[in-house]
C-alpha atoms as a PDB file:
ATOM      1  CA  MET A   1      17.401   9.527   5.485  1.00  0.00           C
ATOM      2  CA  HIS A   2      16.326  13.151   5.741  1.00  0.00           C
ATOM      3  CA  PRO A   3      12.616  13.410   6.734  1.00  0.00           C
ATOM      4  CA  GLN A   4      11.806  15.868   3.898  1.00  0.00           C
ATOM      5  CA  THR A   5      12.785  13.226   1.345  1.00  0.00           C
ATOM      6  CA  GLU A   6      10.503  10.560   2.809  1.00  0.00           C
ATOM      7  CA  LEU A   7       7.167  10.052   1.098  1.00  0.00           C
ATOM      8  CA  PRO A   8       4.300   8.625   3.197  1.00  0.00           C
ATOM      9  CA  VAL A   9       2.503   5.692   1.579  1.00  0.00           C
ATOM     10  CA  PHE A  10      -0.560   4.064   3.156  1.00  0.00           C
ATOM     11  CA  SER A  11      -0.319   0.275   2.930  1.00  0.00           C
ATOM     12  CA  TYR A  12      -2.700  -2.423   4.086  1.00  0.00           C
ATOM     13  CA  GLY A  13      -0.566  -5.233   2.712  1.00  0.00           C
ATOM     14  CA  ALA A  14       2.846  -6.104   1.336  1.00  0.00           C
ATOM     15  CA  LEU A  15       4.638  -2.762   1.707  1.00  0.00           C
ATOM     16  CA  ALA A  16       4.268  -2.940   5.479  1.00  0.00           C
ATOM     17  CA  ARG A  17       5.659  -6.486   5.786  1.00  0.00           C
ATOM     18  CA  PRO A  18       9.351  -6.768   6.758  1.00  0.00           C
ATOM     19  CA  GLU A  19      10.042  -9.721   4.444  1.00  0.00           C
ATOM     20  CA  PHE A  20       8.605  -7.808   1.477  1.00  0.00           C
ATOM     21  CA  GLN A  21      10.569  -4.652   2.347  1.00  0.00           C
ATOM     22  CA  ARG A  22      13.810  -6.650   2.473  1.00  0.00           C
ATOM     23  CA  SER A  23      12.963  -8.290  -0.847  1.00  0.00           C
ATOM     24  CA  LEU A  24      12.094  -5.045  -2.677  1.00  0.00           C
ATOM     25  CA  PHE A  25      14.237  -2.409  -0.925  1.00  0.00           C
ATOM     26  CA  ASN A  26      17.040  -4.527   0.622  1.00  0.00           C
ATOM     27  CA  GLU A  27      16.260  -2.817   3.943  1.00  0.00           C
ATOM     28  CA  LEU A  28      13.467  -2.121   6.411  1.00  0.00           C
ATOM     29  CA  VAL A  29      11.598   1.188   6.315  1.00  0.00           C
ATOM     30  CA  ALA A  30       9.718   3.107   8.998  1.00  0.00           C
ATOM     31  CA  VAL A  31       6.149   1.850   9.590  1.00  0.00           C
ATOM     32  CA  GLU A  32       3.381   3.497  11.645  1.00  0.00           C
ATOM     33  CA  PRO A  33      -0.200   2.259  12.237  1.00  0.00           C
ATOM     34  CA  ALA A  34      -2.802   4.273  10.300  1.00  0.00           C
ATOM     35  CA  ARG A  35      -6.400   4.153   9.067  1.00  0.00           C
ATOM     36  CA  VAL A  36      -8.158   5.545   6.008  1.00  0.00           C
ATOM     37  CA  ARG A  37     -11.929   6.065   6.026  1.00  0.00           C
ATOM     38  CA  GLY A  38     -14.272   5.754   3.077  1.00  0.00           C
ATOM     39  CA  PHE A  39     -12.678   2.542   1.767  1.00  0.00           C
ATOM     40  CA  ARG A  40     -13.306  -1.173   2.221  1.00  0.00           C
ATOM     41  CA  LEU A  41     -11.260  -4.240   1.310  1.00  0.00           C
ATOM     42  CA  GLU A  42     -12.208  -6.733  -1.404  1.00  0.00           C
ATOM     43  CA  ARG A  43     -10.438 -10.078  -1.801  1.00  0.00           C
ATOM     44  CA  VAL A  44      -9.195 -10.758  -5.329  1.00  0.00           C
ATOM     45  CA  PRO A  45      -7.634 -14.095  -6.366  1.00  0.00           C
ATOM     46  CA  ILE A  46      -3.991 -14.025  -7.476  1.00  0.00           C
ATOM     47  CA  PRO A  47      -3.363 -16.106 -10.613  1.00  0.00           C
ATOM     48  CA  ALA A  48      -0.904 -18.928  -9.861  1.00  0.00           C
ATOM     49  CA  GLU A  49       1.702 -17.526 -12.258  1.00  0.00           C
ATOM     50  CA  GLU A  50       1.712 -14.200 -10.358  1.00  0.00           C
ATOM     51  CA  LEU A  51       2.179 -15.631  -6.850  1.00  0.00           C
ATOM     52  CA  LEU A  52       5.325 -14.398  -5.123  1.00  0.00           C
ATOM     53  CA  PRO A  53       7.338 -16.113  -2.380  1.00  0.00           C
ATOM     54  CA  THR A  54       6.227 -13.345   0.014  1.00  0.00           C
ATOM     55  CA  ASP A  55       2.503 -13.934  -0.705  1.00  0.00           C
ATOM     56  CA  ARG A  56       0.884 -15.512   2.335  1.00  0.00           C
ATOM     57  CA  GLU A  57      -2.339 -16.603   0.577  1.00  0.00           C
ATOM     58  CA  PRO A  58      -3.476 -16.991  -3.047  1.00  0.00           C
ATOM     59  CA  PHE A  59      -5.471 -13.749  -2.971  1.00  0.00           C
ATOM     60  CA  ARG A  60      -4.784 -10.085  -2.407  1.00  0.00           C
ATOM     61  CA  SER A  61      -6.838  -7.478  -0.655  1.00  0.00           C
ATOM     62  CA  VAL A  62      -7.741  -4.429  -2.715  1.00  0.00           C
ATOM     63  CA  ALA A  63      -9.007  -1.192  -1.171  1.00  0.00           C
ATOM     64  CA  VAL A  64     -11.986   0.193  -3.039  1.00  0.00           C
ATOM     65  CA  PRO A  65     -14.143   3.234  -2.295  1.00  0.00           C
ATOM     66  CA  ALA A  66     -16.985   2.358   0.056  1.00  0.00           C
ATOM     67  CA  VAL A  67     -20.575   3.567  -0.148  1.00  0.00           C
ATOM     68  CA  ASP A  68     -20.591   3.794   3.651  1.00  0.00           C
ATOM     69  CA  GLN A  69     -18.199   6.615   4.521  1.00  0.00           C
ATOM     70  CA  ASP A  70     -17.842   5.151   8.025  1.00  0.00           C
ATOM     71  CA  SER A  71     -16.085   2.145   6.480  1.00  0.00           C
ATOM     72  CA  ALA A  72     -12.354   2.138   7.105  1.00  0.00           C
ATOM     73  CA  VAL A  73      -9.237   0.229   6.188  1.00  0.00           C
ATOM     74  CA  ASP A  74      -6.626  -0.292   8.865  1.00  0.00           C
ATOM     75  CA  GLY A  75      -3.048  -0.379   7.722  1.00  0.00           C
ATOM     76  CA  PHE A  76       0.259   1.391   8.037  1.00  0.00           C
ATOM     77  CA  VAL A  77       2.076   4.413   6.731  1.00  0.00           C
ATOM     78  CA  VAL A  78       5.456   3.450   5.339  1.00  0.00           C
ATOM     79  CA  ARG A  79       7.957   6.218   4.704  1.00  0.00           C
ATOM     80  CA  LEU A  80       9.766   5.751   1.413  1.00  0.00           C
ATOM     81  CA  SER A  81      12.595   7.558  -0.300  1.00  0.00           C
ATOM     82  CA  PRO A  82      12.034   8.718  -3.900  1.00  0.00           C
ATOM     83  CA  THR A  83      14.081   5.703  -5.078  1.00  0.00           C
ATOM     84  CA  GLN A  84      12.005   3.297  -2.966  1.00  0.00           C
ATOM     85  CA  ILE A  85       8.720   4.742  -4.196  1.00  0.00           C
ATOM     86  CA  LYS A  86       9.892   4.208  -7.794  1.00  0.00           C
ATOM     87  CA  LEU A  87      10.581   0.552  -6.926  1.00  0.00           C
ATOM     88  CA  ALA A  88       7.134   0.266  -5.350  1.00  0.00           C
ATOM     89  CA  ASP A  89       5.547   1.853  -8.446  1.00  0.00           C
ATOM     90  CA  GLU A  90       7.339  -0.665 -10.666  1.00  0.00           C
ATOM     91  CA  PHE A  91       6.237  -3.565  -8.433  1.00  0.00           C
ATOM     92  CA  GLU A  92       2.555  -2.627  -8.383  1.00  0.00           C
ATOM     93  CA  ALA A  93       0.416  -4.261 -11.060  1.00  0.00           C
ATOM     94  CA  PRO A  94      -0.577  -2.002 -13.977  1.00  0.00           C
ATOM     95  CA  GLU A  95      -4.182  -2.011 -12.792  1.00  0.00           C
ATOM     96  CA  TYR A  96      -3.165   0.127  -9.796  1.00  0.00           C
ATOM     97  CA  GLN A  97      -2.157   3.752  -9.647  1.00  0.00           C
ATOM     98  CA  ARG A  98      -0.868   5.914  -6.839  1.00  0.00           C
ATOM     99  CA  GLY A  99      -3.338   8.498  -5.508  1.00  0.00           C
ATOM    100  CA  VAL A 100      -3.484  10.778  -2.467  1.00  0.00           C
ATOM    101  CA  VAL A 101      -5.778   9.892   0.442  1.00  0.00           C
ATOM    102  CA  VAL A 102      -6.512  11.655   3.710  1.00  0.00           C
ATOM    103  CA  LEU A 103      -5.823   9.468   6.718  1.00  0.00           C
ATOM    104  CA  GLU A 104      -7.990   9.394   9.813  1.00  0.00           C
ATOM    105  CA  ASP A 105      -5.522  11.683  11.636  1.00  0.00           C
ATOM    106  CA  GLY A 106      -5.919  14.317   8.872  1.00  0.00           C
ATOM    107  CA  SER A 107      -2.513  13.750   7.278  1.00  0.00           C
ATOM    108  CA  ARG A 108      -2.142  12.860   3.611  1.00  0.00           C
ATOM    109  CA  ALA A 109      -0.422   9.853   2.123  1.00  0.00           C
ATOM    110  CA  TRP A 110      -0.044   8.103  -1.198  1.00  0.00           C
ATOM    111  CA  MET A 111      -2.059   4.911  -1.616  1.00  0.00           C
ATOM    112  CA  TYR A 112      -2.155   2.387  -4.470  1.00  0.00           C
ATOM    113  CA  LEU A 113      -5.705   2.370  -5.801  1.00  0.00           C
ATOM    114  CA  PRO A 114      -7.381   0.400  -8.587  1.00  0.00           C
ATOM    115  CA  SER A 115      -7.104   2.231 -11.925  1.00  0.00           C
ATOM    116  CA  ASP A 116     -10.322   3.310 -13.582  1.00  0.00           C
ATOM    117  CA  GLY A 117      -9.246   2.000 -16.956  1.00  0.00           C
END
């Protein structure tokens, strides 16, 4: 894949897991450790009917803005093609939307964030 066509997406969960990548994309994608400041993780239960075979526990972590700007979420940047990012958009629950965040190293990446509405 040509680097200009790869879109960086910050993930602290499923998108960085090999078994999920194989399930959604039918291949593995590049993954690099990363951190985003100004967010914290909340644990949200997953309803039984929404559990997937790749879910490790019956809850998901959701990154939400933190009051303490020193708070940070550790995760990974995954590099997705335009086709893969469309698949990821379709997978994400409707209560999430893709937004741009600035990573600790100063680079920008997409991140799935809770919708306001």
